[in-house]
PDB file of N, CA and C in Angstrom:
ATOM      1  N   UNK A   1       2.703   6.711 -14.494  1.00  0.00           N
ATOM      2  CA  UNK A   1       3.003   6.660 -15.869  1.00  0.00           C
ATOM      3  C   UNK A   1       2.976   5.149 -16.175  1.00  0.00           C
ATOM      4  N   UNK A   2       2.339   4.872 -17.336  1.00  0.00           N
ATOM      5  CA  UNK A   2       2.265   3.479 -17.797  1.00  0.00           C
ATOM      6  C   UNK A   2       3.157   3.410 -19.022  1.00  0.00           C
ATOM      7  N   UNK A   3       4.084   2.537 -19.091  1.00  0.00           N
ATOM      8  CA  UNK A   3       5.003   2.336 -20.238  1.00  0.00           C
ATOM      9  C   UNK A   3       4.781   0.960 -20.798  1.00  0.00           C
ATOM     10  N   UNK A   4       4.165   0.903 -21.938  1.00  0.00           N
ATOM     11  CA  UNK A   4       3.928  -0.342 -22.650  1.00  0.00           C
ATOM     12  C   UNK A   4       4.209  -0.102 -24.144  1.00  0.00           C
ATOM     13  N   UNK A   5       5.476  -0.156 -24.452  1.00  0.00           N
ATOM     14  CA  UNK A   5       5.998   0.330 -25.743  1.00  0.00           C
ATOM     15  C   UNK A   5       6.732  -0.712 -26.587  1.00  0.00           C
ATOM     16  N   UNK A   6       6.582  -1.950 -26.220  1.00  0.00           N
ATOM     17  CA  UNK A   6       7.221  -3.025 -26.962  1.00  0.00           C
ATOM     18  C   UNK A   6       8.602  -2.742 -27.466  1.00  0.00           C
ATOM     19  N   UNK A   7       9.513  -2.603 -26.596  1.00  0.00           N
ATOM     20  CA  UNK A   7      10.967  -2.504 -26.969  1.00  0.00           C
ATOM     21  C   UNK A   7      11.394  -0.982 -26.914  1.00  0.00           C
ATOM     22  N   UNK A   8      10.547  -0.039 -26.755  1.00  0.00           N
ATOM     23  CA  UNK A   8      10.996   1.362 -26.775  1.00  0.00           C
ATOM     24  C   UNK A   8      10.997   1.964 -25.348  1.00  0.00           C
ATOM     25  N   UNK A   9      11.094   1.211 -24.344  1.00  0.00           N
ATOM     26  CA  UNK A   9      11.017   1.682 -22.902  1.00  0.00           C
ATOM     27  C   UNK A   9      12.227   2.694 -22.677  1.00  0.00           C
ATOM     28  N   UNK A  10      13.372   2.325 -23.164  1.00  0.00           N
ATOM     29  CA  UNK A  10      14.556   3.172 -23.014  1.00  0.00           C
ATOM     30  C   UNK A  10      14.279   4.567 -23.675  1.00  0.00           C
ATOM     31  N   UNK A  11      13.729   4.538 -24.887  1.00  0.00           N
ATOM     32  CA  UNK A  11      13.481   5.828 -25.561  1.00  0.00           C
ATOM     33  C   UNK A  11      12.471   6.675 -24.899  1.00  0.00           C
ATOM     34  N   UNK A  12      11.435   6.045 -24.203  1.00  0.00           N
ATOM     35  CA  UNK A  12      10.416   6.688 -23.455  1.00  0.00           C
ATOM     36  C   UNK A  12      11.127   7.410 -22.286  1.00  0.00           C
ATOM     37  N   UNK A  13      11.978   6.625 -21.593  1.00  0.00           N
ATOM     38  CA  UNK A  13      12.657   7.221 -20.398  1.00  0.00           C
ATOM     39  C   UNK A  13      13.534   8.435 -20.899  1.00  0.00           C
ATOM     40  N   UNK A  14      14.219   8.210 -22.061  1.00  0.00           N
ATOM     41  CA  UNK A  14      15.062   9.280 -22.490  1.00  0.00           C
ATOM     42  C   UNK A  14      14.335  10.586 -22.786  1.00  0.00           C
ATOM     43  N   UNK A  15      13.126  10.478 -23.227  1.00  0.00           N
ATOM     44  CA  UNK A  15      12.371  11.640 -23.648  1.00  0.00           C
ATOM     45  C   UNK A  15      11.374  12.166 -22.587  1.00  0.00           C
ATOM     46  N   UNK A  16      11.341  11.588 -21.447  1.00  0.00           N
ATOM     47  CA  UNK A  16      10.316  11.957 -20.465  1.00  0.00           C
ATOM     48  C   UNK A  16      10.853  12.525 -19.180  1.00  0.00           C
ATOM     49  N   UNK A  17      11.972  13.269 -19.291  1.00  0.00           N
ATOM     50  CA  UNK A  17      12.575  13.811 -18.123  1.00  0.00           C
ATOM     51  C   UNK A  17      11.611  14.682 -17.274  1.00  0.00           C
ATOM     52  N   UNK A  18      10.920  15.674 -17.988  1.00  0.00           N
ATOM     53  CA  UNK A  18      10.028  16.532 -17.271  1.00  0.00           C
ATOM     54  C   UNK A  18       8.836  15.802 -16.704  1.00  0.00           C
ATOM     55  N   UNK A  19       8.375  14.868 -17.461  1.00  0.00           N
ATOM     56  CA  UNK A  19       7.204  14.119 -16.967  1.00  0.00           C
ATOM     57  C   UNK A  19       7.590  13.207 -15.735  1.00  0.00           C
ATOM     58  N   UNK A  20       8.717  12.521 -15.850  1.00  0.00           N
ATOM     59  CA  UNK A  20       9.156  11.752 -14.770  1.00  0.00           C
ATOM     60  C   UNK A  20       9.436  12.473 -13.508  1.00  0.00           C
ATOM     61  N   UNK A  21       9.825  13.766 -13.645  1.00  0.00           N
ATOM     62  CA  UNK A  21      10.060  14.580 -12.461  1.00  0.00           C
ATOM     63  C   UNK A  21       8.841  14.783 -11.601  1.00  0.00           C
ATOM     64  N   UNK A  22       7.704  14.722 -12.342  1.00  0.00           N
ATOM     65  CA  UNK A  22       6.371  14.884 -11.634  1.00  0.00           C
ATOM     66  C   UNK A  22       5.667  13.629 -11.464  1.00  0.00           C
ATOM     67  N   UNK A  23       6.302  12.461 -11.705  1.00  0.00           N
ATOM     68  CA  UNK A  23       5.677  11.159 -11.626  1.00  0.00           C
ATOM     69  C   UNK A  23       5.980  10.533 -10.305  1.00  0.00           C
ATOM     70  N   UNK A  24       4.968   9.960  -9.695  1.00  0.00           N
ATOM     71  CA  UNK A  24       5.204   9.178  -8.455  1.00  0.00           C
ATOM     72  C   UNK A  24       5.219   7.638  -8.674  1.00  0.00           C
ATOM     73  N   UNK A  25       4.467   7.159  -9.656  1.00  0.00           N
ATOM     74  CA  UNK A  25       4.349   5.711  -9.916  1.00  0.00           C
ATOM     75  C   UNK A  25       4.602   5.403 -11.363  1.00  0.00           C
ATOM     76  N   UNK A  26       5.379   4.381 -11.619  1.00  0.00           N
ATOM     77  CA  UNK A  26       5.550   3.892 -12.988  1.00  0.00           C
ATOM     78  C   UNK A  26       5.112   2.390 -13.065  1.00  0.00           C
ATOM     79  N   UNK A  27       4.329   2.075 -14.104  1.00  0.00           N
ATOM     80  CA  UNK A  27       4.025   0.726 -14.354  1.00  0.00           C
ATOM     81  C   UNK A  27       4.613   0.436 -15.743  1.00  0.00           C
ATOM     82  N   UNK A  28       5.349  -0.699 -15.843  1.00  0.00           N
ATOM     83  CA  UNK A  28       6.131  -0.829 -17.083  1.00  0.00           C
ATOM     84  C   UNK A  28       6.241  -2.370 -17.374  1.00  0.00           C
ATOM     85  N   UNK A  29       6.109  -2.730 -18.703  1.00  0.00           N
ATOM     86  CA  UNK A  29       6.381  -4.097 -19.104  1.00  0.00           C
ATOM     87  C   UNK A  29       7.898  -4.258 -19.267  1.00  0.00           C
ATOM     88  N   UNK A  30       8.383  -5.290 -18.666  1.00  0.00           N
ATOM     89  CA  UNK A  30       9.829  -5.579 -18.683  1.00  0.00           C
ATOM     90  C   UNK A  30      10.151  -6.932 -19.250  1.00  0.00           C
ATOM     91  N   UNK A  31      10.945  -7.005 -20.276  1.00  0.00           N
ATOM     92  CA  UNK A  31      11.295  -8.297 -20.936  1.00  0.00           C
ATOM     93  C   UNK A  31      12.385  -9.020 -20.233  1.00  0.00           C
ATOM     94  N   UNK A  32      12.169 -10.342 -19.944  1.00  0.00           N
ATOM     95  CA  UNK A  32      13.140 -11.100 -19.321  1.00  0.00           C
ATOM     96  C   UNK A  32      13.944 -11.888 -20.428  1.00  0.00           C
ATOM     97  N   UNK A  33      13.439 -11.897 -21.669  1.00  0.00           N
ATOM     98  CA  UNK A  33      14.054 -12.496 -22.824  1.00  0.00           C
ATOM     99  C   UNK A  33      14.024 -11.509 -23.969  1.00  0.00           C
ATOM    100  N   UNK A  34      14.952 -11.601 -24.902  1.00  0.00           N
ATOM    101  CA  UNK A  34      14.933 -10.691 -25.985  1.00  0.00           C
ATOM    102  C   UNK A  34      13.771 -10.965 -26.898  1.00  0.00           C
ATOM    103  N   UNK A  35      12.828  -9.989 -26.853  1.00  0.00           N
ATOM    104  CA  UNK A  35      11.550 -10.090 -27.671  1.00  0.00           C
ATOM    105  C   UNK A  35      11.466  -9.099 -28.741  1.00  0.00           C
ATOM    106  N   UNK A  36      12.079  -7.952 -28.629  1.00  0.00           N
ATOM    107  CA  UNK A  36      12.040  -6.826 -29.623  1.00  0.00           C
ATOM    108  C   UNK A  36      13.448  -6.424 -30.002  1.00  0.00           C
ATOM    109  N   UNK A  37      13.621  -6.156 -31.269  1.00  0.00           N
ATOM    110  CA  UNK A  37      14.864  -5.695 -31.814  1.00  0.00           C
ATOM    111  C   UNK A  37      15.184  -4.353 -31.088  1.00  0.00           C
ATOM    112  N   UNK A  38      16.377  -4.266 -30.476  1.00  0.00           N
ATOM    113  CA  UNK A  38      16.770  -2.999 -29.854  1.00  0.00           C
ATOM    114  C   UNK A  38      16.169  -2.768 -28.537  1.00  0.00           C
ATOM    115  N   UNK A  39      15.356  -3.699 -28.037  1.00  0.00           N
ATOM    116  CA  UNK A  39      14.680  -3.532 -26.759  1.00  0.00           C
ATOM    117  C   UNK A  39      15.696  -3.595 -25.585  1.00  0.00           C
ATOM    118  N   UNK A  40      15.339  -2.928 -24.526  1.00  0.00           N
ATOM    119  CA  UNK A  40      16.170  -2.807 -23.346  1.00  0.00           C
ATOM    120  C   UNK A  40      15.900  -4.052 -22.440  1.00  0.00           C
ATOM    121  N   UNK A  41      17.018  -4.620 -21.966  1.00  0.00           N
ATOM    122  CA  UNK A  41      16.873  -5.867 -21.149  1.00  0.00           C
ATOM    123  C   UNK A  41      16.447  -5.509 -19.771  1.00  0.00           C
ATOM    124  N   UNK A  42      15.867  -6.482 -19.063  1.00  0.00           N
ATOM    125  CA  UNK A  42      15.300  -6.294 -17.681  1.00  0.00           C
ATOM    126  C   UNK A  42      16.200  -5.638 -16.739  1.00  0.00           C
ATOM    127  N   UNK A  43      17.405  -6.141 -16.577  1.00  0.00           N
ATOM    128  CA  UNK A  43      18.360  -5.556 -15.649  1.00  0.00           C
ATOM    129  C   UNK A  43      18.686  -4.150 -15.844  1.00  0.00           C
ATOM    130  N   UNK A  44      18.888  -3.803 -17.182  1.00  0.00           N
ATOM    131  CA  UNK A  44      19.200  -2.387 -17.496  1.00  0.00           C
ATOM    132  C   UNK A  44      18.019  -1.465 -17.250  1.00  0.00           C
ATOM    133  N   UNK A  45      16.836  -1.986 -17.638  1.00  0.00           N
ATOM    134  CA  UNK A  45      15.623  -1.104 -17.369  1.00  0.00           C
ATOM    135  C   UNK A  45      15.364  -0.940 -15.901  1.00  0.00           C
ATOM    136  N   UNK A  46      15.505  -2.069 -15.114  1.00  0.00           N
ATOM    137  CA  UNK A  46      15.301  -1.974 -13.689  1.00  0.00           C
ATOM    138  C   UNK A  46      16.354  -0.908 -13.066  1.00  0.00           C
ATOM    139  N   UNK A  47      17.592  -1.015 -13.477  1.00  0.00           N
ATOM    140  CA  UNK A  47      18.613  -0.039 -12.977  1.00  0.00           C
ATOM    141  C   UNK A  47      18.289   1.442 -13.426  1.00  0.00           C
ATOM    142  N   UNK A  48      17.858   1.595 -14.604  1.00  0.00           N
ATOM    143  CA  UNK A  48      17.611   2.956 -15.092  1.00  0.00           C
ATOM    144  C   UNK A  48      16.477   3.527 -14.260  1.00  0.00           C
ATOM    145  N   UNK A  49      15.441   2.752 -14.019  1.00  0.00           N
ATOM    146  CA  UNK A  49      14.268   3.312 -13.247  1.00  0.00           C
ATOM    147  C   UNK A  49      14.619   3.602 -11.810  1.00  0.00           C
ATOM    148  N   UNK A  50      15.380   2.656 -11.201  1.00  0.00           N
ATOM    149  CA  UNK A  50      15.784   2.938  -9.811  1.00  0.00           C
ATOM    150  C   UNK A  50      16.731   4.087  -9.664  1.00  0.00           C
ATOM    151  N   UNK A  51      17.573   4.283 -10.785  1.00  0.00           N
ATOM    152  CA  UNK A  51      18.535   5.433 -10.722  1.00  0.00           C
ATOM    153  C   UNK A  51      17.751   6.770 -10.789  1.00  0.00           C
ATOM    154  N   UNK A  52      16.481   6.700 -11.298  1.00  0.00           N
ATOM    155  CA  UNK A  52      15.672   7.939 -11.324  1.00  0.00           C
ATOM    156  C   UNK A  52      14.998   8.265  -9.959  1.00  0.00           C
ATOM    157  N   UNK A  53      15.219   7.344  -9.007  1.00  0.00           N
ATOM    158  CA  UNK A  53      14.662   7.696  -7.654  1.00  0.00           C
ATOM    159  C   UNK A  53      13.439   6.812  -7.349  1.00  0.00           C
ATOM    160  N   UNK A  54      13.139   5.726  -8.145  1.00  0.00           N
ATOM    161  CA  UNK A  54      12.069   4.924  -7.939  1.00  0.00           C
ATOM    162  C   UNK A  54      12.465   3.609  -7.288  1.00  0.00           C
ATOM    163  N   UNK A  55      11.601   2.962  -6.577  1.00  0.00           N
ATOM    164  CA  UNK A  55      11.891   1.621  -6.058  1.00  0.00           C
ATOM    165  C   UNK A  55      10.766   0.677  -6.488  1.00  0.00           C
ATOM    166  N   UNK A  56      11.206  -0.542  -6.786  1.00  0.00           N
ATOM    167  CA  UNK A  56      10.266  -1.559  -7.182  1.00  0.00           C
ATOM    168  C   UNK A  56       9.388  -2.046  -6.014  1.00  0.00           C
ATOM    169  N   UNK A  57       8.067  -2.072  -6.215  1.00  0.00           N
ATOM    170  CA  UNK A  57       7.185  -2.481  -5.155  1.00  0.00           C
ATOM    171  C   UNK A  57       6.347  -3.848  -5.650  1.00  0.00           C
ATOM    172  N   UNK A  58       6.463  -4.101  -6.950  1.00  0.00           N
ATOM    173  CA  UNK A  58       5.797  -5.319  -7.375  1.00  0.00           C
ATOM    174  C   UNK A  58       6.322  -5.770  -8.802  1.00  0.00           C
ATOM    175  N   UNK A  59       6.398  -7.056  -8.924  1.00  0.00           N
ATOM    176  CA  UNK A  59       6.594  -7.636 -10.221  1.00  0.00           C
ATOM    177  C   UNK A  59       5.660  -8.785 -10.403  1.00  0.00           C
ATOM    178  N   UNK A  60       4.848  -8.807 -11.505  1.00  0.00           N
ATOM    179  CA  UNK A  60       3.879  -9.816 -11.752  1.00  0.00           C
ATOM    180  C   UNK A  60       4.069 -10.378 -13.179  1.00  0.00           C
ATOM    181  N   UNK A  61       3.676 -11.670 -13.297  1.00  0.00           N
ATOM    182  CA  UNK A  61       3.805 -12.243 -14.661  1.00  0.00           C
ATOM    183  C   UNK A  61       2.940 -11.513 -15.720  1.00  0.00           C
ATOM    184  N   UNK A  62       3.522 -11.228 -16.805  1.00  0.00           N
ATOM    185  CA  UNK A  62       2.777 -10.624 -17.900  1.00  0.00           C
ATOM    186  C   UNK A  62       2.634 -11.590 -19.164  1.00  0.00           C
ATOM    187  N   UNK A  63       3.640 -12.265 -19.535  1.00  0.00           N
ATOM    188  CA  UNK A  63       3.630 -13.079 -20.685  1.00  0.00           C
ATOM    189  C   UNK A  63       4.617 -14.190 -20.571  1.00  0.00           C
ATOM    190  N   UNK A  64       4.168 -15.409 -20.848  1.00  0.00           N
ATOM    191  CA  UNK A  64       5.046 -16.651 -20.693  1.00  0.00           C
ATOM    192  C   UNK A  64       4.888 -17.505 -21.894  1.00  0.00           C
ATOM    193  N   UNK A  65       5.909 -18.323 -22.060  1.00  0.00           N
ATOM    194  CA  UNK A  65       5.867 -19.438 -23.075  1.00  0.00           C
ATOM    195  C   UNK A  65       5.636 -20.693 -22.296  1.00  0.00           C
ATOM    196  N   UNK A  66       4.359 -21.092 -22.196  1.00  0.00           N
ATOM    197  CA  UNK A  66       4.020 -22.245 -21.353  1.00  0.00           C
ATOM    198  C   UNK A  66       4.659 -23.470 -21.826  1.00  0.00           C
ATOM    199  N   UNK A  67       4.807 -23.659 -23.233  1.00  0.00           N
ATOM    200  CA  UNK A  67       5.417 -24.891 -23.764  1.00  0.00           C
ATOM    201  C   UNK A  67       6.860 -25.052 -23.216  1.00  0.00           C
ATOM    202  N   UNK A  68       7.588 -23.948 -23.003  1.00  0.00           N
ATOM    203  CA  UNK A  68       8.977 -23.989 -22.517  1.00  0.00           C
ATOM    204  C   UNK A  68       9.048 -23.770 -21.026  1.00  0.00           C
ATOM    205  N   UNK A  69       7.910 -23.481 -20.354  1.00  0.00           N
ATOM    206  CA  UNK A  69       7.985 -23.134 -18.927  1.00  0.00           C
ATOM    207  C   UNK A  69       8.846 -21.883 -18.688  1.00  0.00           C
ATOM    208  N   UNK A  70       8.673 -20.902 -19.556  1.00  0.00           N
ATOM    209  CA  UNK A  70       9.584 -19.711 -19.504  1.00  0.00           C
ATOM    210  C   UNK A  70       8.758 -18.426 -19.379  1.00  0.00           C
ATOM    211  N   UNK A  71       9.038 -17.586 -18.365  1.00  0.00           N
ATOM    212  CA  UNK A  71       8.405 -16.357 -18.242  1.00  0.00           C
ATOM    213  C   UNK A  71       9.158 -15.406 -19.113  1.00  0.00           C
ATOM    214  N   UNK A  72       8.521 -14.682 -20.069  1.00  0.00           N
ATOM    215  CA  UNK A  72       9.132 -13.801 -20.988  1.00  0.00           C
ATOM    216  C   UNK A  72       9.083 -12.313 -20.654  1.00  0.00           C
ATOM    217  N   UNK A  73       7.990 -11.907 -19.921  1.00  0.00           N
ATOM    218  CA  UNK A  73       7.750 -10.556 -19.474  1.00  0.00           C
ATOM    219  C   UNK A  73       7.140 -10.490 -18.195  1.00  0.00           C
ATOM    220  N   UNK A  74       7.505  -9.401 -17.408  1.00  0.00           N
ATOM    221  CA  UNK A  74       6.831  -9.138 -16.155  1.00  0.00           C
ATOM    222  C   UNK A  74       6.336  -7.756 -16.251  1.00  0.00           C
ATOM    223  N   UNK A  75       5.311  -7.429 -15.480  1.00  0.00           N
ATOM    224  CA  UNK A  75       4.837  -6.080 -15.224  1.00  0.00           C
ATOM    225  C   UNK A  75       5.488  -5.586 -14.025  1.00  0.00           C
ATOM    226  N   UNK A  76       6.191  -4.497 -14.038  1.00  0.00           N
ATOM    227  CA  UNK A  76       6.866  -3.865 -12.910  1.00  0.00           C
ATOM    228  C   UNK A  76       6.144  -2.755 -12.472  1.00  0.00           C
ATOM    229  N   UNK A  77       6.147  -2.558 -11.177  1.00  0.00           N
ATOM    230  CA  UNK A  77       5.524  -1.325 -10.554  1.00  0.00           C
ATOM    231  C   UNK A  77       6.597  -0.655  -9.708  1.00  0.00           C
ATOM    232  N   UNK A  78       6.849   0.582  -9.912  1.00  0.00           N
ATOM    233  CA  UNK A  78       7.895   1.404  -9.207  1.00  0.00           C
ATOM    234  C   UNK A  78       7.269   2.612  -8.589  1.00  0.00           C
ATOM    235  N   UNK A  79       7.667   2.948  -7.420  1.00  0.00           N
ATOM    236  CA  UNK A  79       7.127   4.128  -6.735  1.00  0.00           C
ATOM    237  C   UNK A  79       8.272   5.103  -6.319  1.00  0.00           C
ATOM    238  N   UNK A  80       8.029   6.346  -6.288  1.00  0.00           N
ATOM    239  CA  UNK A  80       8.987   7.323  -5.778  1.00  0.00           C
ATOM    240  C   UNK A  80       8.427   7.721  -4.420  1.00  0.00           C
ATOM    241  N   UNK A  81       9.196   7.479  -3.354  1.00  0.00           N
ATOM    242  CA  UNK A  81       8.742   7.699  -1.976  1.00  0.00           C
ATOM    243  C   UNK A  81       8.637   9.150  -1.641  1.00  0.00           C
ATOM    244  N   UNK A  82       9.522   9.988  -2.175  1.00  0.00           N
ATOM    245  CA  UNK A  82       9.512  11.383  -1.747  1.00  0.00           C
ATOM    246  C   UNK A  82       9.108  12.306  -2.927  1.00  0.00           C
TER     247      UNK A  82
END
């Protein structure tokens, strides 16, 4: 499952119970800084996905503010082992 919803990741997880039960891999954009009104923060999103039985296998840079030397988003990859 690919989640790229600009601040609506929590809503996607809320509405995807049946799909997530059959999902082995999640790729998701995760904000490290507040970018979208009402968007879920990195720690909360990470915890929600791991609580669903997935573990993080990769985090890569997605979006940065080079002028401030600040990474704003990462792409997270989570896998369900069983």
